[in-house]
């Protein structure tokens, strides 16, 4: 029985049987790809290691994954201290009253009824006088970098992408509290959820969870992704339903790439 190893070469998935010399697999794949640069990494539950990939290669790998399967899982590559600090700062915002329960109409569009207990819009990370916390600012900026790196996918699929602000999400089950949508809130959420092409989820934890993705067709089955601190999931919001299961002690950052395109 052959064991299989999965690698990524220049944004392409390559499988090599364990009984064969791996360097031969690499040379074959590189010759077929005709790329001048070789990027190699082990493939398990992570598609891209951000500590190893950047620039045009990151854009190419993101476009490849999103076009192939509709989602991409990244490891953020940040120090644990930064992620822990960002979570602590989110807790501080909660204590300061910045978080509020979500309106019922937007729960499914965020992280679902088992992962959208409370929401707080963060201050844009490049705004003067930012006071949400320096670690949150750094992580939000990191999420923005990933969002910017979807440009090739948007170009390949004819999408005029516009990134949204970053939303901090406290996990756990929604409460019974009734929250009414104001006219301004309704306009904002309609603009996001009706025009969203991509959704980005940055898991801060500290606990682990589970993200279920269900294609919008009658044939494909659901995919379940175990989530943990430091994981980023980019998914096609226009072709996948999603639901994240987490606890009330967990936090995530979420943003979208929207488009005015009707296609």
C-alpha atoms as a PDB file:
ATOM      1  CA  UNK A   1       0.000   0.000   0.000  1.00  0.00           C
ATOM      2  CA  UNK A   2       1.430   3.331  -1.046  1.00  0.00           C
ATOM      3  CA  UNK A   3       1.486   6.290   1.304  1.00  0.00           C
ATOM      4  CA  UNK A   4       0.925   9.680  -0.320  1.00  0.00           C
ATOM      5  CA  UNK A   5       2.533  13.015   0.503  1.00  0.00           C
ATOM      6  CA  UNK A   6       0.933  16.250  -0.680  1.00  0.00           C
ATOM      7  CA  UNK A   7       3.007  19.245  -1.614  1.00  0.00           C
ATOM      8  CA  UNK A   8       2.444  22.602  -3.254  1.00  0.00           C
ATOM      9  CA  UNK A   9       4.692  23.617  -6.129  1.00  0.00           C
ATOM     10  CA  UNK A  10       4.091  27.108  -7.452  1.00  0.00           C
ATOM     11  CA  UNK A  11       0.457  26.996  -6.410  1.00  0.00           C
ATOM     12  CA  UNK A  12      -0.134  23.468  -7.752  1.00  0.00           C
ATOM     13  CA  UNK A  13      -0.997  20.430  -5.647  1.00  0.00           C
ATOM     14  CA  UNK A  14       1.434  17.552  -6.276  1.00  0.00           C
ATOM     15  CA  UNK A  15       1.124  14.030  -4.891  1.00  0.00           C
ATOM     16  CA  UNK A  16       4.149  11.764  -4.510  1.00  0.00           C
ATOM     17  CA  UNK A  17       3.953   8.065  -3.524  1.00  0.00           C
ATOM     18  CA  UNK A  18       6.132   7.317  -0.532  1.00  0.00           C
ATOM     19  CA  UNK A  19       7.810   4.434  -2.347  1.00  0.00           C
ATOM     20  CA  UNK A  20       9.251   6.794  -4.977  1.00  0.00           C
ATOM     21  CA  UNK A  21      12.206   9.141  -4.610  1.00  0.00           C
ATOM     22  CA  UNK A  22      10.679  12.509  -3.691  1.00  0.00           C
ATOM     23  CA  UNK A  23      13.271  14.517  -5.593  1.00  0.00           C
ATOM     24  CA  UNK A  24      12.125  12.838  -8.811  1.00  0.00           C
ATOM     25  CA  UNK A  25       8.552  13.954  -8.086  1.00  0.00           C
ATOM     26  CA  UNK A  26       9.737  17.512  -7.515  1.00  0.00           C
ATOM     27  CA  UNK A  27      11.714  17.624 -10.747  1.00  0.00           C
ATOM     28  CA  UNK A  28       8.826  16.177 -12.754  1.00  0.00           C
ATOM     29  CA  UNK A  29       6.378  18.687 -11.296  1.00  0.00           C
ATOM     30  CA  UNK A  30       8.750  21.614 -11.755  1.00  0.00           C
ATOM     31  CA  UNK A  31       9.370  20.670 -15.380  1.00  0.00           C
ATOM     32  CA  UNK A  32       5.622  20.446 -15.997  1.00  0.00           C
ATOM     33  CA  UNK A  33       4.897  23.741 -14.220  1.00  0.00           C
ATOM     34  CA  UNK A  34       7.634  25.680 -16.090  1.00  0.00           C
ATOM     35  CA  UNK A  35       7.948  28.061 -13.142  1.00  0.00           C
ATOM     36  CA  UNK A  36      11.310  29.685 -12.362  1.00  0.00           C
ATOM     37  CA  UNK A  37      10.786  29.529  -8.584  1.00  0.00           C
ATOM     38  CA  UNK A  38      10.037  26.457  -6.490  1.00  0.00           C
ATOM     39  CA  UNK A  39       7.940  26.700  -3.329  1.00  0.00           C
ATOM     40  CA  UNK A  40       7.709  23.519  -1.282  1.00  0.00           C
ATOM     41  CA  UNK A  41       5.723  22.743   1.839  1.00  0.00           C
ATOM     42  CA  UNK A  42       3.984  19.830   3.485  1.00  0.00           C
ATOM     43  CA  UNK A  43       0.208  19.761   2.969  1.00  0.00           C
ATOM     44  CA  UNK A  44      -2.013  18.641   5.842  1.00  0.00           C
ATOM     45  CA  UNK A  45      -4.883  20.818   7.044  1.00  0.00           C
ATOM     46  CA  UNK A  46      -3.032  23.957   5.897  1.00  0.00           C
ATOM     47  CA  UNK A  47      -2.862  25.128   2.288  1.00  0.00           C
ATOM     48  CA  UNK A  48      -0.492  28.073   2.764  1.00  0.00           C
ATOM     49  CA  UNK A  49       2.097  28.964   5.401  1.00  0.00           C
ATOM     50  CA  UNK A  50       2.249  32.751   5.468  1.00  0.00           C
ATOM     51  CA  UNK A  51       5.706  32.625   7.046  1.00  0.00           C
ATOM     52  CA  UNK A  52       6.963  31.061   3.794  1.00  0.00           C
ATOM     53  CA  UNK A  53       4.873  32.678   1.049  1.00  0.00           C
ATOM     54  CA  UNK A  54       4.269  36.311   0.107  1.00  0.00           C
ATOM     55  CA  UNK A  55       3.747  38.648  -2.810  1.00  0.00           C
ATOM     56  CA  UNK A  56       2.840  37.272  -6.233  1.00  0.00           C
ATOM     57  CA  UNK A  57       3.273  33.661  -5.127  1.00  0.00           C
ATOM     58  CA  UNK A  58       0.772  34.153  -2.284  1.00  0.00           C
ATOM     59  CA  UNK A  59      -1.703  35.697  -4.717  1.00  0.00           C
ATOM     60  CA  UNK A  60      -1.212  32.776  -7.115  1.00  0.00           C
ATOM     61  CA  UNK A  61      -1.690  30.116  -4.439  1.00  0.00           C
ATOM     62  CA  UNK A  62      -4.784  31.838  -3.040  1.00  0.00           C
ATOM     63  CA  UNK A  63      -6.311  32.107  -6.510  1.00  0.00           C
ATOM     64  CA  UNK A  64      -5.501  28.457  -7.184  1.00  0.00           C
ATOM     65  CA  UNK A  65      -7.118  27.180  -3.969  1.00  0.00           C
ATOM     66  CA  UNK A  66     -10.192  29.407  -4.224  1.00  0.00           C
ATOM     67  CA  UNK A  67     -10.740  28.472  -7.847  1.00  0.00           C
ATOM     68  CA  UNK A  68     -10.194  24.761  -7.213  1.00  0.00           C
ATOM     69  CA  UNK A  69     -12.198  24.101  -4.055  1.00  0.00           C
ATOM     70  CA  UNK A  70     -13.783  27.398  -3.010  1.00  0.00           C
ATOM     71  CA  UNK A  71     -11.761  27.960   0.165  1.00  0.00           C
ATOM     72  CA  UNK A  72      -8.178  28.235   1.388  1.00  0.00           C
ATOM     73  CA  UNK A  73      -6.732  27.547   4.844  1.00  0.00           C
ATOM     74  CA  UNK A  74      -3.672  29.543   5.920  1.00  0.00           C
ATOM     75  CA  UNK A  75      -1.388  29.474   8.925  1.00  0.00           C
ATOM     76  CA  UNK A  76      -0.764  33.079   9.980  1.00  0.00           C
ATOM     77  CA  UNK A  77       2.818  32.514  11.093  1.00  0.00           C
ATOM     78  CA  UNK A  78       2.595  35.124  13.870  1.00  0.00           C
ATOM     79  CA  UNK A  79       4.136  34.721  17.307  1.00  0.00           C
ATOM     80  CA  UNK A  80       1.901  33.208  19.965  1.00  0.00           C
ATOM     81  CA  UNK A  81       2.420  36.317  22.128  1.00  0.00           C
ATOM     82  CA  UNK A  82       0.853  38.528  19.449  1.00  0.00           C
ATOM     83  CA  UNK A  83      -2.178  36.271  19.070  1.00  0.00           C
ATOM     84  CA  UNK A  84      -2.632  35.954  22.824  1.00  0.00           C
ATOM     85  CA  UNK A  85      -2.293  39.718  23.196  1.00  0.00           C
ATOM     86  CA  UNK A  86      -4.918  40.295  20.489  1.00  0.00           C
ATOM     87  CA  UNK A  87      -7.332  37.968  22.292  1.00  0.00           C
ATOM     88  CA  UNK A  88      -6.736  39.798  25.581  1.00  0.00           C
ATOM     89  CA  UNK A  89      -7.410  43.126  23.878  1.00  0.00           C
ATOM     90  CA  UNK A  90     -10.661  41.753  22.435  1.00  0.00           C
ATOM     91  CA  UNK A  91     -11.665  40.766  25.971  1.00  0.00           C
ATOM     92  CA  UNK A  92     -10.835  44.326  27.091  1.00  0.00           C
ATOM     93  CA  UNK A  93     -13.154  45.687  24.390  1.00  0.00           C
ATOM     94  CA  UNK A  94     -15.851  43.342  25.651  1.00  0.00           C
ATOM     95  CA  UNK A  95     -15.406  44.673  29.194  1.00  0.00           C
ATOM     96  CA  UNK A  96     -15.565  48.221  27.852  1.00  0.00           C
ATOM     97  CA  UNK A  97     -18.971  47.540  26.314  1.00  0.00           C
ATOM     98  CA  UNK A  98     -17.883  47.563  22.675  1.00  0.00           C
ATOM     99  CA  UNK A  99     -19.447  44.185  21.854  1.00  0.00           C
ATOM    100  CA  UNK A 100     -23.183  43.772  21.299  1.00  0.00           C
ATOM    101  CA  UNK A 101     -25.458  40.859  20.332  1.00  0.00           C
ATOM    102  CA  UNK A 102     -26.039  40.539  16.581  1.00  0.00           C
ATOM    103  CA  UNK A 103     -29.349  41.279  14.862  1.00  0.00           C
ATOM    104  CA  UNK A 104     -31.065  38.019  13.983  1.00  0.00           C
ATOM    105  CA  UNK A 105     -31.004  38.828  10.271  1.00  0.00           C
ATOM    106  CA  UNK A 106     -27.179  38.809  10.021  1.00  0.00           C
ATOM    107  CA  UNK A 107     -26.270  35.781  12.185  1.00  0.00           C
ATOM    108  CA  UNK A 108     -26.052  33.270   9.329  1.00  0.00           C
ATOM    109  CA  UNK A 109     -24.011  35.719   7.277  1.00  0.00           C
ATOM    110  CA  UNK A 110     -21.395  36.102  10.018  1.00  0.00           C
ATOM    111  CA  UNK A 111     -20.467  32.808  11.715  1.00  0.00           C
ATOM    112  CA  UNK A 112     -23.826  31.188  12.372  1.00  0.00           C
ATOM    113  CA  UNK A 113     -25.886  30.595  15.530  1.00  0.00           C
ATOM    114  CA  UNK A 114     -23.142  28.641  17.348  1.00  0.00           C
ATOM    115  CA  UNK A 115     -20.339  31.114  16.719  1.00  0.00           C
ATOM    116  CA  UNK A 116     -21.806  34.636  16.644  1.00  0.00           C
ATOM    117  CA  UNK A 117     -22.595  35.546  20.232  1.00  0.00           C
ATOM    118  CA  UNK A 118     -21.503  39.197  20.008  1.00  0.00           C
ATOM    119  CA  UNK A 119     -20.017  41.609  17.467  1.00  0.00           C
ATOM    120  CA  UNK A 120     -17.836  44.726  17.486  1.00  0.00           C
ATOM    121  CA  UNK A 121     -16.603  46.711  14.502  1.00  0.00           C
ATOM    122  CA  UNK A 122     -12.915  47.558  14.928  1.00  0.00           C
ATOM    123  CA  UNK A 123     -11.400  50.921  14.161  1.00  0.00           C
ATOM    124  CA  UNK A 124      -9.568  50.835  10.785  1.00  0.00           C
ATOM    125  CA  UNK A 125      -5.972  49.883  11.576  1.00  0.00           C
ATOM    126  CA  UNK A 126      -4.527  52.850   9.652  1.00  0.00           C
ATOM    127  CA  UNK A 127      -6.701  55.455  11.359  1.00  0.00           C
ATOM    128  CA  UNK A 128      -5.028  58.092  13.501  1.00  0.00           C
ATOM    129  CA  UNK A 129      -5.739  57.728  17.187  1.00  0.00           C
ATOM    130  CA  UNK A 130      -6.340  53.985  16.981  1.00  0.00           C
ATOM    131  CA  UNK A 131      -7.082  52.742  20.502  1.00  0.00           C
ATOM    132  CA  UNK A 132      -8.420  49.185  20.141  1.00  0.00           C
ATOM    133  CA  UNK A 133      -5.066  47.637  21.129  1.00  0.00           C
ATOM    134  CA  UNK A 134      -1.744  47.341  19.323  1.00  0.00           C
ATOM    135  CA  UNK A 135      -1.902  43.560  18.971  1.00  0.00           C
ATOM    136  CA  UNK A 136      -5.406  43.735  17.522  1.00  0.00           C
ATOM    137  CA  UNK A 137      -4.161  46.441  15.207  1.00  0.00           C
ATOM    138  CA  UNK A 138      -1.301  44.238  14.024  1.00  0.00           C
ATOM    139  CA  UNK A 139      -3.542  41.221  13.457  1.00  0.00           C
ATOM    140  CA  UNK A 140      -6.161  43.348  11.684  1.00  0.00           C
ATOM    141  CA  UNK A 141      -3.441  44.725   9.415  1.00  0.00           C
ATOM    142  CA  UNK A 142      -2.264  41.152   8.770  1.00  0.00           C
ATOM    143  CA  UNK A 143      -5.806  40.178   7.800  1.00  0.00           C
ATOM    144  CA  UNK A 144      -5.882  43.178   5.468  1.00  0.00           C
ATOM    145  CA  UNK A 145      -2.721  41.918   3.785  1.00  0.00           C
ATOM    146  CA  UNK A 146      -4.398  38.572   3.089  1.00  0.00           C
ATOM    147  CA  UNK A 147      -7.471  40.383   1.783  1.00  0.00           C
ATOM    148  CA  UNK A 148      -5.282  42.436  -0.568  1.00  0.00           C
ATOM    149  CA  UNK A 149      -3.662  39.194  -1.745  1.00  0.00           C
ATOM    150  CA  UNK A 150      -6.969  38.009  -3.233  1.00  0.00           C
ATOM    151  CA  UNK A 151      -6.501  40.506  -6.067  1.00  0.00           C
ATOM    152  CA  UNK A 152      -5.369  37.865  -8.552  1.00  0.00           C
ATOM    153  CA  UNK A 153      -8.401  35.689  -7.792  1.00  0.00           C
ATOM    154  CA  UNK A 154     -10.680  38.703  -8.223  1.00  0.00           C
ATOM    155  CA  UNK A 155      -8.977  39.564 -11.490  1.00  0.00           C
ATOM    156  CA  UNK A 156      -9.144  35.970 -12.741  1.00  0.00           C
ATOM    157  CA  UNK A 157     -12.882  35.779 -12.004  1.00  0.00           C
ATOM    158  CA  UNK A 158     -13.848  39.267 -13.163  1.00  0.00           C
ATOM    159  CA  UNK A 159     -14.567  40.612  -9.673  1.00  0.00           C
ATOM    160  CA  UNK A 160     -14.051  44.252  -8.754  1.00  0.00           C
ATOM    161  CA  UNK A 161     -13.152  43.566  -5.135  1.00  0.00           C
ATOM    162  CA  UNK A 162     -13.661  46.038  -2.298  1.00  0.00           C
ATOM    163  CA  UNK A 163     -12.521  45.086   1.239  1.00  0.00           C
ATOM    164  CA  UNK A 164     -14.739  45.823   4.222  1.00  0.00           C
ATOM    165  CA  UNK A 165     -13.830  46.944   7.735  1.00  0.00           C
ATOM    166  CA  UNK A 166     -12.770  44.297  10.230  1.00  0.00           C
ATOM    167  CA  UNK A 167     -15.400  42.816  12.511  1.00  0.00           C
ATOM    168  CA  UNK A 168     -14.463  41.251  15.847  1.00  0.00           C
ATOM    169  CA  UNK A 169     -16.680  38.274  16.683  1.00  0.00           C
ATOM    170  CA  UNK A 170     -17.130  36.710  20.084  1.00  0.00           C
ATOM    171  CA  UNK A 171     -17.942  33.032  19.648  1.00  0.00           C
ATOM    172  CA  UNK A 172     -20.481  30.803  21.298  1.00  0.00           C
ATOM    173  CA  UNK A 173     -24.225  30.433  20.870  1.00  0.00           C
ATOM    174  CA  UNK A 174     -26.379  33.463  20.222  1.00  0.00           C
ATOM    175  CA  UNK A 175     -28.557  34.708  23.066  1.00  0.00           C
ATOM    176  CA  UNK A 176     -32.302  35.304  23.131  1.00  0.00           C
ATOM    177  CA  UNK A 177     -31.792  39.068  23.278  1.00  0.00           C
ATOM    178  CA  UNK A 178     -33.708  40.820  20.507  1.00  0.00           C
ATOM    179  CA  UNK A 179     -31.667  43.394  18.606  1.00  0.00           C
ATOM    180  CA  UNK A 180     -33.444  45.631  16.113  1.00  0.00           C
ATOM    181  CA  UNK A 181     -31.720  46.729  12.930  1.00  0.00           C
ATOM    182  CA  UNK A 182     -31.583  50.478  12.462  1.00  0.00           C
ATOM    183  CA  UNK A 183     -31.958  51.870   8.962  1.00  0.00           C
ATOM    184  CA  UNK A 184     -28.228  52.627   8.784  1.00  0.00           C
ATOM    185  CA  UNK A 185     -27.308  49.174  10.080  1.00  0.00           C
ATOM    186  CA  UNK A 186     -29.634  47.544   7.579  1.00  0.00           C
ATOM    187  CA  UNK A 187     -28.063  49.474   4.705  1.00  0.00           C
ATOM    188  CA  UNK A 188     -24.564  48.540   5.861  1.00  0.00           C
ATOM    189  CA  UNK A 189     -25.297  44.828   6.285  1.00  0.00           C
ATOM    190  CA  UNK A 190     -27.234  44.613   3.023  1.00  0.00           C
ATOM    191  CA  UNK A 191     -24.284  46.159   1.235  1.00  0.00           C
ATOM    192  CA  UNK A 192     -21.928  43.578   2.721  1.00  0.00           C
ATOM    193  CA  UNK A 193     -23.889  40.330   2.709  1.00  0.00           C
ATOM    194  CA  UNK A 194     -25.651  40.783  -0.628  1.00  0.00           C
ATOM    195  CA  UNK A 195     -22.417  41.684  -2.448  1.00  0.00           C
ATOM    196  CA  UNK A 196     -19.879  39.503  -0.619  1.00  0.00           C
ATOM    197  CA  UNK A 197     -17.683  37.423  -2.915  1.00  0.00           C
ATOM    198  CA  UNK A 198     -15.099  36.356  -0.330  1.00  0.00           C
ATOM    199  CA  UNK A 199     -15.091  36.047   3.452  1.00  0.00           C
ATOM    200  CA  UNK A 200     -11.966  35.997   5.612  1.00  0.00           C
ATOM    201  CA  UNK A 201     -11.975  34.481   9.103  1.00  0.00           C
ATOM    202  CA  UNK A 202      -8.968  34.964  11.397  1.00  0.00           C
ATOM    203  CA  UNK A 203      -9.173  32.610  14.383  1.00  0.00           C
ATOM    204  CA  UNK A 204      -7.826  34.170  17.596  1.00  0.00           C
ATOM    205  CA  UNK A 205      -9.067  31.438  19.934  1.00  0.00           C
ATOM    206  CA  UNK A 206      -7.858  30.640  22.468  1.00  0.00           C
ATOM    207  CA  UNK A 207      -9.922  27.467  22.093  1.00  0.00           C
ATOM    208  CA  UNK A 208     -10.444  25.203  19.116  1.00  0.00           C
ATOM    209  CA  UNK A 209     -13.598  25.028  17.040  1.00  0.00           C
ATOM    210  CA  UNK A 210     -15.065  23.661  13.841  1.00  0.00           C
ATOM    211  CA  UNK A 211     -15.975  25.394  10.572  1.00  0.00           C
ATOM    212  CA  UNK A 212     -18.515  23.684   8.326  1.00  0.00           C
ATOM    213  CA  UNK A 213     -18.653  24.650   4.659  1.00  0.00           C
ATOM    214  CA  UNK A 214     -21.586  23.574   2.483  1.00  0.00           C
ATOM    215  CA  UNK A 215     -21.561  24.220  -1.282  1.00  0.00           C
ATOM    216  CA  UNK A 216     -24.694  25.792  -2.723  1.00  0.00           C
ATOM    217  CA  UNK A 217     -25.664  22.823  -4.873  1.00  0.00           C
ATOM    218  CA  UNK A 218     -27.637  19.598  -4.559  1.00  0.00           C
ATOM    219  CA  UNK A 219     -24.717  17.201  -4.990  1.00  0.00           C
ATOM    220  CA  UNK A 220     -21.685  18.228  -2.960  1.00  0.00           C
ATOM    221  CA  UNK A 221     -21.292  17.248   0.674  1.00  0.00           C
ATOM    222  CA  UNK A 222     -20.218  19.503   3.516  1.00  0.00           C
ATOM    223  CA  UNK A 223     -16.570  19.998   4.471  1.00  0.00           C
ATOM    224  CA  UNK A 224     -15.634  20.320   8.150  1.00  0.00           C
ATOM    225  CA  UNK A 225     -12.445  22.199   9.054  1.00  0.00           C
ATOM    226  CA  UNK A 226     -11.056  22.031  12.621  1.00  0.00           C
ATOM    227  CA  UNK A 227     -10.113  25.582  13.621  1.00  0.00           C
ATOM    228  CA  UNK A 228      -7.447  26.753  16.029  1.00  0.00           C
ATOM    229  CA  UNK A 229      -5.626  29.919  17.055  1.00  0.00           C
ATOM    230  CA  UNK A 230      -3.600  31.447  14.234  1.00  0.00           C
ATOM    231  CA  UNK A 231      -5.600  29.884  11.403  1.00  0.00           C
ATOM    232  CA  UNK A 232      -7.056  32.017   8.606  1.00  0.00           C
ATOM    233  CA  UNK A 233      -9.793  30.718   6.324  1.00  0.00           C
ATOM    234  CA  UNK A 234     -10.645  32.490   3.085  1.00  0.00           C
ATOM    235  CA  UNK A 235     -13.857  31.221   1.512  1.00  0.00           C
ATOM    236  CA  UNK A 236     -16.082  32.042  -1.419  1.00  0.00           C
ATOM    237  CA  UNK A 237     -19.085  33.609   0.245  1.00  0.00           C
ATOM    238  CA  UNK A 238     -21.107  33.499  -2.977  1.00  0.00           C
ATOM    239  CA  UNK A 239     -20.818  29.707  -3.395  1.00  0.00           C
ATOM    240  CA  UNK A 240     -20.472  28.321   0.153  1.00  0.00           C
ATOM    241  CA  UNK A 241     -22.697  28.350   3.211  1.00  0.00           C
ATOM    242  CA  UNK A 242     -20.665  28.434   6.406  1.00  0.00           C
ATOM    243  CA  UNK A 243     -21.106  27.832  10.132  1.00  0.00           C
ATOM    244  CA  UNK A 244     -18.496  28.092  12.872  1.00  0.00           C
ATOM    245  CA  UNK A 245     -18.893  26.292  16.189  1.00  0.00           C
ATOM    246  CA  UNK A 246     -16.931  27.871  19.055  1.00  0.00           C
ATOM    247  CA  UNK A 247     -17.231  28.849  22.713  1.00  0.00           C
ATOM    248  CA  UNK A 248     -18.040  32.171  24.357  1.00  0.00           C
ATOM    249  CA  UNK A 249     -14.372  32.455  25.369  1.00  0.00           C
ATOM    250  CA  UNK A 250     -13.215  32.451  21.743  1.00  0.00           C
ATOM    251  CA  UNK A 251     -12.748  35.376  19.389  1.00  0.00           C
ATOM    252  CA  UNK A 252     -12.263  35.789  15.643  1.00  0.00           C
ATOM    253  CA  UNK A 253     -11.725  38.647  13.230  1.00  0.00           C
ATOM    254  CA  UNK A 254     -13.853  38.672  10.094  1.00  0.00           C
ATOM    255  CA  UNK A 255     -13.857  40.737   6.943  1.00  0.00           C
ATOM    256  CA  UNK A 256     -15.311  40.445   3.450  1.00  0.00           C
ATOM    257  CA  UNK A 257     -14.373  41.293  -0.096  1.00  0.00           C
ATOM    258  CA  UNK A 258     -17.470  42.672  -1.780  1.00  0.00           C
ATOM    259  CA  UNK A 259     -18.171  43.502  -5.398  1.00  0.00           C
ATOM    260  CA  UNK A 260     -20.629  45.696  -7.216  1.00  0.00           C
ATOM    261  CA  UNK A 261     -20.578  43.160 -10.045  1.00  0.00           C
ATOM    262  CA  UNK A 262     -23.869  41.419 -10.608  1.00  0.00           C
ATOM    263  CA  UNK A 263     -22.197  38.259 -11.882  1.00  0.00           C
END
